[in-house]
Each structure stands twice: as structure tokens, then as C-alpha cells.
Amino acid sequence: MKKVENSFAVTGFVGKDAEIRQFTTASKAVFSLAVSRTEQNGERVSSFINAEAWRKNENASFDLLKKGQMLTIEGYFKPEEWTDQQNVKHHRVIMAVTKFYEPEEKEEQVPATPKKKKAKKTA
């Protein structure tokens, strides 16, 4: 049986400044990432993804997690389950971020147009 890895990599824009919580040995940043795609009909559809990133306090840097910042995030899907005060069960999936960074800028590539063949001159 093939081993299936629970992982993702996605690029989008930070929806709002991260909410950072400090703990004794680590810090947690909770933020949303806006991602979009173009439907077959040409319409652009956007979605917001909930994400959380943990860092040890000695190297905790969440400077990139500011509203509007374009980021690539990598990590794994983490299911959460809880029961509220009215005894209703809730479920959600969080994107647990293990790595985030500014994406490399790539120049748009214009499709190459085929060169026209020169007509041969006949005498």
C-alpha cells in the first residue's frame, strides 16, 4: 500500500494581521490566507483559509504575517473537534503551518509565436 502524506503548499495573501499568543516556550500565530482561482467561466473565486504557525520563543519571527503580504505556506491539515457549552459538537480543519516565506517572483511568460518561414526565391 502506498504511503499518503498529509501535506500542502499554497500561495495567497494574508487576510489580516496575525493574532499572536505567547506561551512559556513557544508562540502561536493564527491568521487567514486568501487564495483564489479562475473558474471555467472566467470568474475569479476567492476563499479564506484558517492557518496557525508555532515557533519556539528563541527564534519566533512572525514579521511576514501582516495583512496583504503575499506568502507561500507549507504544512499539514490538522482536524480539531470540540463541544460547546450547549453540548453541540463542532469540527474544523486547520492548516498547521510548518514553513512560510515570500514566494519567488516569476516573470510572466508570453507564449512564443512561431516564426514565419522565409519564402524561397526562385529565379
N, C-alpha and C. Protein backbone atom coordinates (compact mmCIF):
# COMPACT_ATOMS: atom_id res chain seq x y z
N MET A 1 0.84 -1.18 0.00
CA MET A 1 0.00 0.00 0.00
C MET A 1 0.89 1.24 0.00
N LYS A 2 0.52 2.22 -0.80
CA LYS A 2 1.29 3.45 -0.87
C LYS A 2 1.07 4.29 0.38
N LYS A 3 2.13 4.95 0.80
CA LYS A 3 2.04 5.86 1.94
C LYS A 3 1.58 7.22 1.43
N VAL A 4 0.51 7.76 2.00
CA VAL A 4 -0.02 9.06 1.61
C VAL A 4 0.36 10.07 2.68
N GLU A 5 1.01 11.12 2.27
CA GLU A 5 1.48 12.15 3.20
C GLU A 5 0.43 13.26 3.32
N ASN A 6 0.13 13.67 4.53
CA ASN A 6 -0.79 14.77 4.80
C ASN A 6 0.01 16.06 4.73
N SER A 7 0.01 16.72 3.56
CA SER A 7 0.79 17.94 3.42
C SER A 7 0.17 18.85 2.37
N PHE A 8 0.55 20.12 2.41
CA PHE A 8 0.07 21.09 1.44
C PHE A 8 1.12 22.17 1.24
N ALA A 9 0.97 22.89 0.15
CA ALA A 9 1.73 24.11 -0.12
C ALA A 9 0.79 25.00 -0.93
N VAL A 10 0.60 26.23 -0.47
CA VAL A 10 -0.34 27.14 -1.15
C VAL A 10 0.18 28.56 -1.04
N THR A 11 -0.10 29.35 -2.06
CA THR A 11 0.31 30.75 -2.06
C THR A 11 -0.92 31.63 -2.07
N GLY A 12 -0.90 32.67 -1.26
CA GLY A 12 -2.03 33.60 -1.19
C GLY A 12 -1.61 34.85 -0.45
N PHE A 13 -2.61 35.62 -0.02
CA PHE A 13 -2.37 36.87 0.68
C PHE A 13 -2.91 36.78 2.11
N VAL A 14 -2.15 37.27 3.08
CA VAL A 14 -2.58 37.26 4.48
C VAL A 14 -3.81 38.16 4.58
N GLY A 15 -4.90 37.63 5.18
CA GLY A 15 -6.18 38.34 5.25
C GLY A 15 -6.18 39.49 6.24
N LYS A 16 -5.55 39.30 7.39
CA LYS A 16 -5.41 40.37 8.39
C LYS A 16 -4.19 40.04 9.23
N ASP A 17 -3.68 41.03 9.97
CA ASP A 17 -2.50 40.80 10.80
C ASP A 17 -2.74 39.58 11.70
N ALA A 18 -1.70 38.78 11.86
CA ALA A 18 -1.81 37.56 12.67
C ALA A 18 -2.07 37.91 14.14
N GLU A 19 -2.86 37.06 14.77
CA GLU A 19 -3.10 37.15 16.22
C GLU A 19 -2.04 36.27 16.87
N ILE A 20 -1.15 36.88 17.64
CA ILE A 20 -0.02 36.13 18.21
C ILE A 20 -0.23 35.92 19.70
N ARG A 21 -0.08 34.67 20.12
CA ARG A 21 -0.20 34.32 21.54
C ARG A 21 1.15 33.81 22.03
N GLN A 22 1.60 34.34 23.17
CA GLN A 22 2.88 33.95 23.76
C GLN A 22 2.65 32.89 24.84
N PHE A 23 3.46 31.86 24.83
CA PHE A 23 3.45 30.83 25.86
C PHE A 23 4.85 30.74 26.45
N THR A 24 5.06 29.89 27.42
CA THR A 24 6.35 29.80 28.11
C THR A 24 7.50 29.51 27.16
N THR A 25 7.35 28.49 26.33
CA THR A 25 8.47 28.09 25.46
C THR A 25 8.22 28.33 23.98
N ALA A 26 7.01 28.73 23.61
CA ALA A 26 6.69 28.90 22.19
C ALA A 26 5.66 30.00 22.00
N SER A 27 5.49 30.39 20.75
CA SER A 27 4.48 31.38 20.37
C SER A 27 3.65 30.81 19.22
N LYS A 28 2.38 31.20 19.18
CA LYS A 28 1.47 30.72 18.15
C LYS A 28 0.88 31.91 17.41
N ALA A 29 0.90 31.86 16.08
CA ALA A 29 0.28 32.90 15.26
C ALA A 29 -0.91 32.28 14.54
N VAL A 30 -2.06 32.94 14.66
CA VAL A 30 -3.28 32.49 13.98
C VAL A 30 -3.61 33.56 12.95
N PHE A 31 -3.83 33.12 11.69
CA PHE A 31 -4.11 34.07 10.63
C PHE A 31 -4.92 33.39 9.52
N SER A 32 -5.42 34.20 8.60
CA SER A 32 -6.12 33.64 7.45
C SER A 32 -5.33 33.98 6.19
N LEU A 33 -5.46 33.12 5.20
CA LEU A 33 -4.78 33.32 3.93
C LEU A 33 -5.84 33.32 2.84
N ALA A 34 -5.88 34.39 2.05
CA ALA A 34 -6.82 34.49 0.94
C ALA A 34 -6.19 33.86 -0.30
N VAL A 35 -6.88 32.90 -0.86
CA VAL A 35 -6.43 32.24 -2.08
C VAL A 35 -7.55 32.35 -3.11
N SER A 36 -7.19 32.36 -4.37
CA SER A 36 -8.21 32.46 -5.41
C SER A 36 -7.84 31.63 -6.62
N ARG A 37 -8.83 31.40 -7.44
CA ARG A 37 -8.61 30.67 -8.68
C ARG A 37 -9.64 31.14 -9.70
N THR A 38 -9.40 30.83 -10.94
CA THR A 38 -10.32 31.22 -12.00
C THR A 38 -11.17 30.02 -12.39
N GLU A 39 -12.48 30.20 -12.35
CA GLU A 39 -13.42 29.16 -12.75
C GLU A 39 -13.39 28.99 -14.26
N GLN A 40 -14.03 27.94 -14.76
CA GLN A 40 -14.07 27.70 -16.19
C GLN A 40 -14.77 28.82 -16.95
N ASN A 41 -15.72 29.48 -16.28
CA ASN A 41 -16.45 30.57 -16.94
C ASN A 41 -15.68 31.89 -16.90
N GLY A 42 -14.45 31.86 -16.36
CA GLY A 42 -13.61 33.06 -16.30
C GLY A 42 -13.78 33.88 -15.04
N GLU A 43 -14.72 33.50 -14.17
CA GLU A 43 -14.97 34.22 -12.92
C GLU A 43 -13.90 33.87 -11.90
N ARG A 44 -13.42 34.88 -11.18
CA ARG A 44 -12.40 34.71 -10.14
C ARG A 44 -13.11 34.44 -8.82
N VAL A 45 -12.77 33.34 -8.14
CA VAL A 45 -13.39 32.95 -6.88
C VAL A 45 -12.32 32.94 -5.79
N SER A 46 -12.60 33.61 -4.67
CA SER A 46 -11.64 33.68 -3.56
C SER A 46 -12.16 32.92 -2.35
N SER A 47 -11.24 32.39 -1.56
CA SER A 47 -11.56 31.69 -0.31
C SER A 47 -10.55 32.10 0.74
N PHE A 48 -10.97 32.04 2.00
CA PHE A 48 -10.07 32.31 3.11
C PHE A 48 -9.81 31.01 3.85
N ILE A 49 -8.53 30.74 4.11
CA ILE A 49 -8.11 29.52 4.80
C ILE A 49 -7.60 29.90 6.18
N ASN A 50 -8.07 29.18 7.22
CA ASN A 50 -7.57 29.41 8.58
C ASN A 50 -6.26 28.66 8.76
N ALA A 51 -5.26 29.36 9.30
CA ALA A 51 -3.94 28.75 9.47
C ALA A 51 -3.37 29.11 10.83
N GLU A 52 -2.49 28.26 11.33
CA GLU A 52 -1.77 28.56 12.58
C GLU A 52 -0.32 28.10 12.43
N ALA A 53 0.58 28.91 12.98
CA ALA A 53 2.01 28.61 12.94
C ALA A 53 2.58 28.71 14.34
N TRP A 54 3.41 27.76 14.70
CA TRP A 54 4.07 27.75 16.01
C TRP A 54 5.56 27.99 15.82
N ARG A 55 6.16 28.72 16.73
CA ARG A 55 7.60 28.96 16.71
C ARG A 55 8.13 28.91 18.14
N LYS A 56 9.32 28.35 18.32
CA LYS A 56 9.96 28.40 19.64
C LYS A 56 10.32 29.85 19.92
N ASN A 57 10.24 30.26 21.16
CA ASN A 57 10.44 31.66 21.51
C ASN A 57 11.81 32.22 21.15
N GLU A 58 12.84 31.38 21.14
CA GLU A 58 14.16 31.92 20.83
C GLU A 58 14.30 32.35 19.38
N ASN A 59 13.47 31.82 18.48
CA ASN A 59 13.56 32.25 17.09
C ASN A 59 12.17 32.57 16.50
N ALA A 60 11.29 33.07 17.35
CA ALA A 60 9.93 33.38 16.91
C ALA A 60 9.92 34.67 16.10
N SER A 61 9.67 34.53 14.81
CA SER A 61 9.56 35.70 13.96
C SER A 61 8.32 35.55 13.09
N PHE A 62 7.37 36.39 13.35
CA PHE A 62 6.13 36.38 12.59
C PHE A 62 5.99 37.68 11.79
N ASP A 63 7.12 38.31 11.46
CA ASP A 63 7.12 39.60 10.77
C ASP A 63 6.37 39.59 9.45
N LEU A 64 6.37 38.46 8.73
CA LEU A 64 5.73 38.40 7.42
C LEU A 64 4.21 38.27 7.50
N LEU A 65 3.67 38.00 8.70
CA LEU A 65 2.24 37.73 8.82
C LEU A 65 1.45 39.03 9.01
N LYS A 66 1.54 39.91 8.02
CA LYS A 66 0.85 41.19 8.02
C LYS A 66 -0.17 41.22 6.89
N LYS A 67 -1.28 41.89 7.10
CA LYS A 67 -2.35 41.97 6.11
C LYS A 67 -1.81 42.40 4.74
N GLY A 68 -2.21 41.65 3.73
CA GLY A 68 -1.83 41.97 2.36
C GLY A 68 -0.54 41.35 1.88
N GLN A 69 0.25 40.78 2.78
CA GLN A 69 1.55 40.16 2.42
C GLN A 69 1.30 38.89 1.62
N MET A 70 1.94 38.77 0.47
CA MET A 70 1.86 37.53 -0.30
C MET A 70 2.81 36.51 0.31
N LEU A 71 2.28 35.31 0.59
CA LEU A 71 3.07 34.25 1.24
C LEU A 71 2.82 32.91 0.59
N THR A 72 3.82 32.07 0.65
CA THR A 72 3.63 30.65 0.39
C THR A 72 3.73 29.98 1.75
N ILE A 73 2.73 29.16 2.06
CA ILE A 73 2.76 28.42 3.32
C ILE A 73 2.80 26.93 3.02
N GLU A 74 3.52 26.20 3.86
CA GLU A 74 3.60 24.75 3.75
C GLU A 74 3.26 24.16 5.12
N GLY A 75 2.69 22.97 5.12
CA GLY A 75 2.37 22.35 6.39
C GLY A 75 1.51 21.12 6.21
N TYR A 76 0.62 20.89 7.18
CA TYR A 76 -0.25 19.72 7.15
C TYR A 76 -1.64 20.11 7.66
N PHE A 77 -2.64 19.30 7.34
CA PHE A 77 -4.01 19.53 7.76
C PHE A 77 -4.21 18.93 9.15
N LYS A 78 -4.78 19.73 10.06
CA LYS A 78 -4.95 19.29 11.44
C LYS A 78 -6.44 19.38 11.80
N PRO A 79 -7.11 18.24 11.95
CA PRO A 79 -8.52 18.27 12.34
C PRO A 79 -8.68 18.64 13.82
N GLU A 80 -9.68 19.44 14.12
CA GLU A 80 -9.99 19.80 15.51
C GLU A 80 -11.45 19.48 15.78
N GLU A 81 -11.71 19.09 17.01
CA GLU A 81 -13.07 18.73 17.43
C GLU A 81 -13.28 19.24 18.85
N TRP A 82 -14.44 19.85 19.11
CA TRP A 82 -14.75 20.33 20.45
C TRP A 82 -16.25 20.36 20.66
N THR A 83 -16.65 20.44 21.92
CA THR A 83 -18.06 20.53 22.29
C THR A 83 -18.27 21.85 23.00
N ASP A 84 -19.26 22.61 22.55
CA ASP A 84 -19.51 23.93 23.16
C ASP A 84 -20.36 23.80 24.43
N GLN A 85 -20.71 24.94 25.03
CA GLN A 85 -21.46 24.94 26.29
C GLN A 85 -22.87 24.38 26.14
N GLN A 86 -23.40 24.41 24.92
CA GLN A 86 -24.74 23.85 24.67
C GLN A 86 -24.66 22.37 24.28
N ASN A 87 -23.49 21.77 24.49
CA ASN A 87 -23.24 20.35 24.21
C ASN A 87 -23.35 20.02 22.71
N VAL A 88 -23.03 21.00 21.86
CA VAL A 88 -23.03 20.78 20.41
C VAL A 88 -21.59 20.52 19.97
N LYS A 89 -21.41 19.42 19.22
CA LYS A 89 -20.08 19.08 18.74
C LYS A 89 -19.76 19.90 17.49
N HIS A 90 -18.51 20.37 17.41
CA HIS A 90 -18.04 21.14 16.26
C HIS A 90 -16.79 20.47 15.70
N HIS A 91 -16.61 20.61 14.40
CA HIS A 91 -15.44 20.07 13.71
C HIS A 91 -14.91 21.13 12.76
N ARG A 92 -13.59 21.18 12.59
CA ARG A 92 -12.98 22.04 11.58
C ARG A 92 -11.59 21.50 11.28
N VAL A 93 -11.07 21.96 10.17
CA VAL A 93 -9.72 21.57 9.77
C VAL A 93 -8.89 22.85 9.72
N ILE A 94 -7.78 22.84 10.42
CA ILE A 94 -6.84 23.95 10.46
C ILE A 94 -5.64 23.58 9.61
N MET A 95 -5.08 24.56 8.94
CA MET A 95 -3.84 24.33 8.22
C MET A 95 -2.71 24.65 9.18
N ALA A 96 -2.02 23.62 9.67
CA ALA A 96 -0.90 23.80 10.59
C ALA A 96 0.34 24.11 9.74
N VAL A 97 0.85 25.32 9.88
CA VAL A 97 1.94 25.80 9.02
C VAL A 97 3.28 25.44 9.64
N THR A 98 4.10 24.73 8.87
CA THR A 98 5.45 24.39 9.32
C THR A 98 6.50 25.32 8.73
N LYS A 99 6.16 25.95 7.60
CA LYS A 99 7.10 26.85 6.93
C LYS A 99 6.30 27.91 6.18
N PHE A 100 6.74 29.18 6.25
CA PHE A 100 6.14 30.22 5.43
C PHE A 100 7.22 31.17 4.94
N TYR A 101 7.03 31.67 3.73
CA TYR A 101 8.04 32.51 3.11
C TYR A 101 7.43 33.29 1.95
N GLU A 102 8.13 34.36 1.55
CA GLU A 102 7.70 35.13 0.40
C GLU A 102 7.97 34.30 -0.85
N PRO A 103 6.99 34.20 -1.75
CA PRO A 103 7.21 33.40 -2.95
C PRO A 103 8.19 34.09 -3.90
N GLU A 104 8.88 33.29 -4.68
CA GLU A 104 9.77 33.84 -5.70
C GLU A 104 8.93 34.51 -6.76
N GLU A 105 9.35 35.69 -7.18
CA GLU A 105 8.62 36.36 -8.25
C GLU A 105 9.07 35.77 -9.57
N LYS A 106 8.09 35.41 -10.36
CA LYS A 106 8.38 34.85 -11.67
C LYS A 106 7.82 35.80 -12.72
N GLU A 107 8.59 36.01 -13.74
CA GLU A 107 8.11 36.85 -14.82
C GLU A 107 7.08 36.08 -15.62
N GLU A 108 6.03 36.82 -16.05
CA GLU A 108 5.02 36.18 -16.87
C GLU A 108 5.64 35.77 -18.18
N GLN A 109 5.34 34.57 -18.59
CA GLN A 109 5.88 34.10 -19.86
C GLN A 109 4.82 34.28 -20.94
N VAL A 110 5.19 35.00 -21.97
CA VAL A 110 4.30 35.21 -23.10
C VAL A 110 4.48 34.02 -24.03
N PRO A 111 3.37 33.43 -24.45
CA PRO A 111 3.51 32.28 -25.35
C PRO A 111 4.31 32.67 -26.59
N ALA A 112 5.24 31.83 -26.95
CA ALA A 112 6.09 32.10 -28.11
C ALA A 112 5.27 31.99 -29.38
N THR A 113 5.45 32.95 -30.27
CA THR A 113 4.76 32.89 -31.56
C THR A 113 5.69 32.21 -32.55
N PRO A 114 5.14 31.31 -33.33
CA PRO A 114 6.00 30.59 -34.28
C PRO A 114 6.57 31.56 -35.32
N LYS A 115 7.83 31.35 -35.65
CA LYS A 115 8.47 32.19 -36.65
C LYS A 115 7.98 31.79 -38.02
N LYS A 116 7.77 32.81 -38.85
CA LYS A 116 7.33 32.53 -40.22
C LYS A 116 8.53 32.11 -41.04
N LYS A 117 8.31 31.14 -41.86
CA LYS A 117 9.39 30.67 -42.73
C LYS A 117 9.52 31.64 -43.89
N LYS A 118 10.75 31.90 -44.24
CA LYS A 118 11.01 32.78 -45.37
C LYS A 118 10.72 32.02 -46.67
N ALA A 119 10.08 32.72 -47.57
CA ALA A 119 9.77 32.11 -48.85
C ALA A 119 11.05 32.02 -49.68
N LYS A 120 11.19 30.90 -50.34
CA LYS A 120 12.37 30.72 -51.19
C LYS A 120 12.17 31.52 -52.48
N LYS A 121 13.24 32.18 -52.88
CA LYS A 121 13.19 32.94 -54.13
C LYS A 121 13.54 31.99 -55.27
N THR A 122 12.77 32.10 -56.30
CA THR A 122 13.07 31.30 -57.49
C THR A 122 13.45 32.25 -58.60
N ALA A 123 14.37 31.85 -59.39
CA ALA A 123 14.85 32.74 -60.46
C ALA A 123 14.09 32.57 -61.73
